[in-house]
């Protein structure tokens, strides 16, 4: 099973992160499998589990919660196209290429966990006053529209550099 978390920026660009392990811990601690170094992400926020062709999500007692399709969850089975919200970061879940790249780019928008509206009713993924929107805060990147498989170290380095962590190791 190929799992990709697609982070969408408010300008429509995206960053893709391949989840290659059967158990992937997501959080802000350096020893997490997928590190998101933001204050609203718990040290160990949640974990993704690949079991028998099913992708499961478990919140690990996060302070700000884990949301699937704008609903706070402790556990969930993730399906292709689900919106996953961790703190202020939004992803679309892609499993075995579904939804396809065209649907993700044109059919999905980041969700806001502080809003009770659906993503279709949101303000085109733009954050409202007082909300932190890391997607719009991300610097310019190339507009390559292809998904690229990434190693774990590339995932950490890319996400950390996208989020402005200057201590992120740089590719040579």
C-alpha atoms as a PDB file:
ATOM      1  CA  UNK A   1       0.000   0.000   0.000  1.00  0.00           C
ATOM      2  CA  UNK A   2       1.422   3.362  -1.055  1.00  0.00           C
ATOM      3  CA  UNK A   3       0.389   6.210   1.251  1.00  0.00           C
ATOM      4  CA  UNK A   4       1.142   9.851   0.501  1.00  0.00           C
ATOM      5  CA  UNK A   5       0.164  12.853   2.619  1.00  0.00           C
ATOM      6  CA  UNK A   6      -0.331  15.825   0.326  1.00  0.00           C
ATOM      7  CA  UNK A   7       0.011  19.200   2.024  1.00  0.00           C
ATOM      8  CA  UNK A   8      -1.844  21.874   0.097  1.00  0.00           C
ATOM      9  CA  UNK A   9      -0.887  25.520   0.158  1.00  0.00           C
ATOM     10  CA  UNK A  10      -3.540  28.182  -0.111  1.00  0.00           C
ATOM     11  CA  UNK A  11      -2.136  29.181  -3.525  1.00  0.00           C
ATOM     12  CA  UNK A  12      -2.853  25.676  -4.857  1.00  0.00           C
ATOM     13  CA  UNK A  13       0.712  24.364  -4.730  1.00  0.00           C
ATOM     14  CA  UNK A  14       1.394  21.204  -2.796  1.00  0.00           C
ATOM     15  CA  UNK A  15       4.086  19.171  -1.075  1.00  0.00           C
ATOM     16  CA  UNK A  16       3.887  15.398  -0.959  1.00  0.00           C
ATOM     17  CA  UNK A  17       5.250  13.166   1.789  1.00  0.00           C
ATOM     18  CA  UNK A  18       5.411   9.385   1.296  1.00  0.00           C
ATOM     19  CA  UNK A  19       4.630   7.311   4.366  1.00  0.00           C
ATOM     20  CA  UNK A  20       6.810   4.245   3.936  1.00  0.00           C
ATOM     21  CA  UNK A  21       6.701   2.526   7.341  1.00  0.00           C
ATOM     22  CA  UNK A  22       3.956   0.273   8.645  1.00  0.00           C
ATOM     23  CA  UNK A  23       3.870   2.394  11.815  1.00  0.00           C
ATOM     24  CA  UNK A  24       4.641   6.103  11.468  1.00  0.00           C
ATOM     25  CA  UNK A  25       4.640   8.408  14.499  1.00  0.00           C
ATOM     26  CA  UNK A  26       3.909  12.047  13.644  1.00  0.00           C
ATOM     27  CA  UNK A  27       4.873  14.826  16.017  1.00  0.00           C
ATOM     28  CA  UNK A  28       7.290  17.643  16.751  1.00  0.00           C
ATOM     29  CA  UNK A  29       9.926  15.587  18.626  1.00  0.00           C
ATOM     30  CA  UNK A  30      13.126  14.832  16.773  1.00  0.00           C
ATOM     31  CA  UNK A  31      12.669  11.077  17.252  1.00  0.00           C
ATOM     32  CA  UNK A  32       9.299  11.024  15.424  1.00  0.00           C
ATOM     33  CA  UNK A  33       9.161   9.239  12.081  1.00  0.00           C
ATOM     34  CA  UNK A  34       7.498  12.296  10.498  1.00  0.00           C
ATOM     35  CA  UNK A  35       8.473  15.502  12.250  1.00  0.00           C
ATOM     36  CA  UNK A  36       6.411  18.701  12.077  1.00  0.00           C
ATOM     37  CA  UNK A  37       8.321  21.282  14.139  1.00  0.00           C
ATOM     38  CA  UNK A  38       5.425  23.578  15.059  1.00  0.00           C
ATOM     39  CA  UNK A  39       4.214  24.529  18.525  1.00  0.00           C
ATOM     40  CA  UNK A  40       0.628  23.435  17.901  1.00  0.00           C
ATOM     41  CA  UNK A  41       1.792  19.900  17.072  1.00  0.00           C
ATOM     42  CA  UNK A  42       2.237  17.695  20.149  1.00  0.00           C
ATOM     43  CA  UNK A  43       5.556  15.989  20.829  1.00  0.00           C
ATOM     44  CA  UNK A  44       3.971  12.721  19.738  1.00  0.00           C
ATOM     45  CA  UNK A  45       0.768  13.828  18.065  1.00  0.00           C
ATOM     46  CA  UNK A  46      -0.595  10.747  16.300  1.00  0.00           C
ATOM     47  CA  UNK A  47       0.407   7.585  14.511  1.00  0.00           C
ATOM     48  CA  UNK A  48      -0.479   6.051  11.160  1.00  0.00           C
ATOM     49  CA  UNK A  49      -0.717   2.254  10.954  1.00  0.00           C
ATOM     50  CA  UNK A  50      -0.787   0.218   7.761  1.00  0.00           C
ATOM     51  CA  UNK A  51      -2.504  -3.094   8.540  1.00  0.00           C
ATOM     52  CA  UNK A  52      -3.847  -5.591   6.011  1.00  0.00           C
ATOM     53  CA  UNK A  53      -4.369  -2.946   3.325  1.00  0.00           C
ATOM     54  CA  UNK A  54      -6.101  -0.554   5.725  1.00  0.00           C
ATOM     55  CA  UNK A  55      -4.696   2.785   6.888  1.00  0.00           C
ATOM     56  CA  UNK A  56      -5.527   3.519  10.516  1.00  0.00           C
ATOM     57  CA  UNK A  57      -4.959   6.705  12.501  1.00  0.00           C
ATOM     58  CA  UNK A  58      -4.579   6.945  16.275  1.00  0.00           C
ATOM     59  CA  UNK A  59      -4.298  10.190  18.219  1.00  0.00           C
ATOM     60  CA  UNK A  60      -1.604   9.889  20.898  1.00  0.00           C
ATOM     61  CA  UNK A  61      -3.143  12.269  23.427  1.00  0.00           C
ATOM     62  CA  UNK A  62      -2.395  15.420  21.438  1.00  0.00           C
ATOM     63  CA  UNK A  63      -3.299  18.750  23.020  1.00  0.00           C
ATOM     64  CA  UNK A  64      -4.812  20.336  19.894  1.00  0.00           C
ATOM     65  CA  UNK A  65      -6.384  17.185  18.536  1.00  0.00           C
ATOM     66  CA  UNK A  66      -6.320  15.195  15.345  1.00  0.00           C
ATOM     67  CA  UNK A  67      -9.078  15.891  12.838  1.00  0.00           C
ATOM     68  CA  UNK A  68     -10.350  13.829   9.923  1.00  0.00           C
ATOM     69  CA  UNK A  69     -12.738  15.640   7.601  1.00  0.00           C
ATOM     70  CA  UNK A  70     -13.187  18.417  10.213  1.00  0.00           C
ATOM     71  CA  UNK A  71     -14.160  15.963  12.965  1.00  0.00           C
ATOM     72  CA  UNK A  72     -11.912  15.434  15.998  1.00  0.00           C
ATOM     73  CA  UNK A  73     -11.018  11.760  16.326  1.00  0.00           C
ATOM     74  CA  UNK A  74      -9.120   9.480  18.681  1.00  0.00           C
ATOM     75  CA  UNK A  75      -9.056   6.641  16.145  1.00  0.00           C
ATOM     76  CA  UNK A  76     -10.128   6.450  12.530  1.00  0.00           C
ATOM     77  CA  UNK A  77      -9.778   4.391   9.388  1.00  0.00           C
ATOM     78  CA  UNK A  78      -8.512   6.712   6.670  1.00  0.00           C
ATOM     79  CA  UNK A  79      -9.828   6.564   3.131  1.00  0.00           C
ATOM     80  CA  UNK A  80      -8.445   8.095  -0.048  1.00  0.00           C
ATOM     81  CA  UNK A  81      -9.261  11.807  -0.207  1.00  0.00           C
ATOM     82  CA  UNK A  82      -9.766  12.262   3.537  1.00  0.00           C
ATOM     83  CA  UNK A  83      -8.649  15.612   4.942  1.00  0.00           C
ATOM     84  CA  UNK A  84      -6.225  15.152   7.842  1.00  0.00           C
ATOM     85  CA  UNK A  85      -5.647  18.148  10.127  1.00  0.00           C
ATOM     86  CA  UNK A  86      -2.863  18.196  12.737  1.00  0.00           C
ATOM     87  CA  UNK A  87      -2.648  21.500  14.560  1.00  0.00           C
ATOM     88  CA  UNK A  88      -2.517  24.111  11.811  1.00  0.00           C
ATOM     89  CA  UNK A  89      -1.307  21.759   9.067  1.00  0.00           C
ATOM     90  CA  UNK A  90      -3.683  20.128   6.572  1.00  0.00           C
ATOM     91  CA  UNK A  91      -3.094  17.110   4.368  1.00  0.00           C
ATOM     92  CA  UNK A  92      -5.119  15.148   1.838  1.00  0.00           C
ATOM     93  CA  UNK A  93      -4.652  11.386   2.178  1.00  0.00           C
ATOM     94  CA  UNK A  94      -3.693   9.633  -1.041  1.00  0.00           C
ATOM     95  CA  UNK A  95      -3.711   5.821  -1.027  1.00  0.00           C
ATOM     96  CA  UNK A  96      -2.394   3.859  -4.015  1.00  0.00           C
ATOM     97  CA  UNK A  97      -2.732   6.942  -6.218  1.00  0.00           C
ATOM     98  CA  UNK A  98      -6.340   7.707  -5.211  1.00  0.00           C
ATOM     99  CA  UNK A  99      -7.474  10.447  -5.442  1.00  0.00           C
ATOM    100  CA  UNK A 100      -5.405  11.094  -8.526  1.00  0.00           C
ATOM    101  CA  UNK A 101      -3.155  14.114  -8.833  1.00  0.00           C
ATOM    102  CA  UNK A 102      -5.664  16.155 -10.838  1.00  0.00           C
ATOM    103  CA  UNK A 103      -8.387  15.658  -8.209  1.00  0.00           C
ATOM    104  CA  UNK A 104      -6.068  16.716  -5.385  1.00  0.00           C
ATOM    105  CA  UNK A 105      -4.921  19.865  -7.156  1.00  0.00           C
ATOM    106  CA  UNK A 106      -8.322  21.015  -8.331  1.00  0.00           C
ATOM    107  CA  UNK A 107     -10.806  19.296  -6.067  1.00  0.00           C
ATOM    108  CA  UNK A 108      -9.376  19.678  -2.572  1.00  0.00           C
ATOM    109  CA  UNK A 109      -8.591  22.598  -0.351  1.00  0.00           C
ATOM    110  CA  UNK A 110      -7.039  22.761   3.101  1.00  0.00           C
ATOM    111  CA  UNK A 111      -9.459  22.474   5.998  1.00  0.00           C
ATOM    112  CA  UNK A 112      -9.456  24.587   9.111  1.00  0.00           C
ATOM    113  CA  UNK A 113      -9.959  22.713  12.392  1.00  0.00           C
ATOM    114  CA  UNK A 114     -11.144  25.914  14.056  1.00  0.00           C
ATOM    115  CA  UNK A 115     -14.012  26.214  11.597  1.00  0.00           C
ATOM    116  CA  UNK A 116     -17.185  24.157  11.605  1.00  0.00           C
ATOM    117  CA  UNK A 117     -17.724  24.659   7.883  1.00  0.00           C
ATOM    118  CA  UNK A 118     -16.763  22.118   5.282  1.00  0.00           C
ATOM    119  CA  UNK A 119     -13.739  22.768   3.108  1.00  0.00           C
ATOM    120  CA  UNK A 120     -16.074  23.653   0.253  1.00  0.00           C
ATOM    121  CA  UNK A 121     -17.579  26.401   2.408  1.00  0.00           C
ATOM    122  CA  UNK A 122     -14.246  27.723   3.661  1.00  0.00           C
ATOM    123  CA  UNK A 123     -12.699  30.857   2.244  1.00  0.00           C
ATOM    124  CA  UNK A 124     -10.728  29.022  -0.448  1.00  0.00           C
ATOM    125  CA  UNK A 125      -8.261  27.713   2.134  1.00  0.00           C
ATOM    126  CA  UNK A 126      -7.381  31.253   3.259  1.00  0.00           C
ATOM    127  CA  UNK A 127      -7.033  31.703   6.970  1.00  0.00           C
ATOM    128  CA  UNK A 128      -9.219  34.143   8.818  1.00  0.00           C
ATOM    129  CA  UNK A 129      -7.959  36.734  11.284  1.00  0.00           C
ATOM    130  CA  UNK A 130      -6.148  35.248  14.271  1.00  0.00           C
ATOM    131  CA  UNK A 131      -5.609  31.802  12.766  1.00  0.00           C
ATOM    132  CA  UNK A 132      -2.159  30.492  11.938  1.00  0.00           C
ATOM    133  CA  UNK A 133      -2.023  29.251   8.369  1.00  0.00           C
ATOM    134  CA  UNK A 134       1.326  27.510   7.775  1.00  0.00           C
ATOM    135  CA  UNK A 135       0.266  26.717   4.232  1.00  0.00           C
ATOM    136  CA  UNK A 136       0.243  30.371   3.228  1.00  0.00           C
ATOM    137  CA  UNK A 137       3.351  31.031   5.322  1.00  0.00           C
ATOM    138  CA  UNK A 138       5.398  28.542   3.336  1.00  0.00           C
ATOM    139  CA  UNK A 139       7.932  30.134   1.032  1.00  0.00           C
ATOM    140  CA  UNK A 140       7.809  29.882  -2.714  1.00  0.00           C
ATOM    141  CA  UNK A 141       8.739  26.503  -4.121  1.00  0.00           C
ATOM    142  CA  UNK A 142       8.851  25.111  -7.585  1.00  0.00           C
ATOM    143  CA  UNK A 143       5.489  24.386  -9.111  1.00  0.00           C
ATOM    144  CA  UNK A 144       6.357  20.836 -10.118  1.00  0.00           C
ATOM    145  CA  UNK A 145       3.070  18.951 -10.181  1.00  0.00           C
ATOM    146  CA  UNK A 146       4.428  15.417 -10.013  1.00  0.00           C
ATOM    147  CA  UNK A 147       4.474  13.351  -6.848  1.00  0.00           C
ATOM    148  CA  UNK A 148       7.993  12.328  -5.977  1.00  0.00           C
ATOM    149  CA  UNK A 149       8.688   9.427  -3.610  1.00  0.00           C
ATOM    150  CA  UNK A 150      10.851  10.660  -0.764  1.00  0.00           C
ATOM    151  CA  UNK A 151      13.116   9.009   1.784  1.00  0.00           C
ATOM    152  CA  UNK A 152      12.422   9.581   5.465  1.00  0.00           C
ATOM    153  CA  UNK A 153      15.329  12.018   5.801  1.00  0.00           C
ATOM    154  CA  UNK A 154      14.053  13.934   2.766  1.00  0.00           C
ATOM    155  CA  UNK A 155      10.599  14.137   4.372  1.00  0.00           C
ATOM    156  CA  UNK A 156      12.028  15.646   7.565  1.00  0.00           C
ATOM    157  CA  UNK A 157      14.409  17.988   5.731  1.00  0.00           C
ATOM    158  CA  UNK A 158      11.780  19.148   3.235  1.00  0.00           C
ATOM    159  CA  UNK A 159       9.047  19.743   5.792  1.00  0.00           C
ATOM    160  CA  UNK A 160      11.410  21.493   8.198  1.00  0.00           C
ATOM    161  CA  UNK A 161      12.769  23.761   5.480  1.00  0.00           C
ATOM    162  CA  UNK A 162       9.247  24.459   4.173  1.00  0.00           C
ATOM    163  CA  UNK A 163       8.191  25.478   7.672  1.00  0.00           C
ATOM    164  CA  UNK A 164      11.203  27.745   8.080  1.00  0.00           C
ATOM    165  CA  UNK A 165      13.330  25.666  10.488  1.00  0.00           C
ATOM    166  CA  UNK A 166      16.857  26.893   9.749  1.00  0.00           C
ATOM    167  CA  UNK A 167      18.372  23.967  11.642  1.00  0.00           C
ATOM    168  CA  UNK A 168      17.079  21.530   9.019  1.00  0.00           C
ATOM    169  CA  UNK A 169      19.913  19.673   7.283  1.00  0.00           C
ATOM    170  CA  UNK A 170      20.332  20.725   3.687  1.00  0.00           C
ATOM    171  CA  UNK A 171      20.670  18.380   0.736  1.00  0.00           C
ATOM    172  CA  UNK A 172      24.070  18.478  -0.904  1.00  0.00           C
END
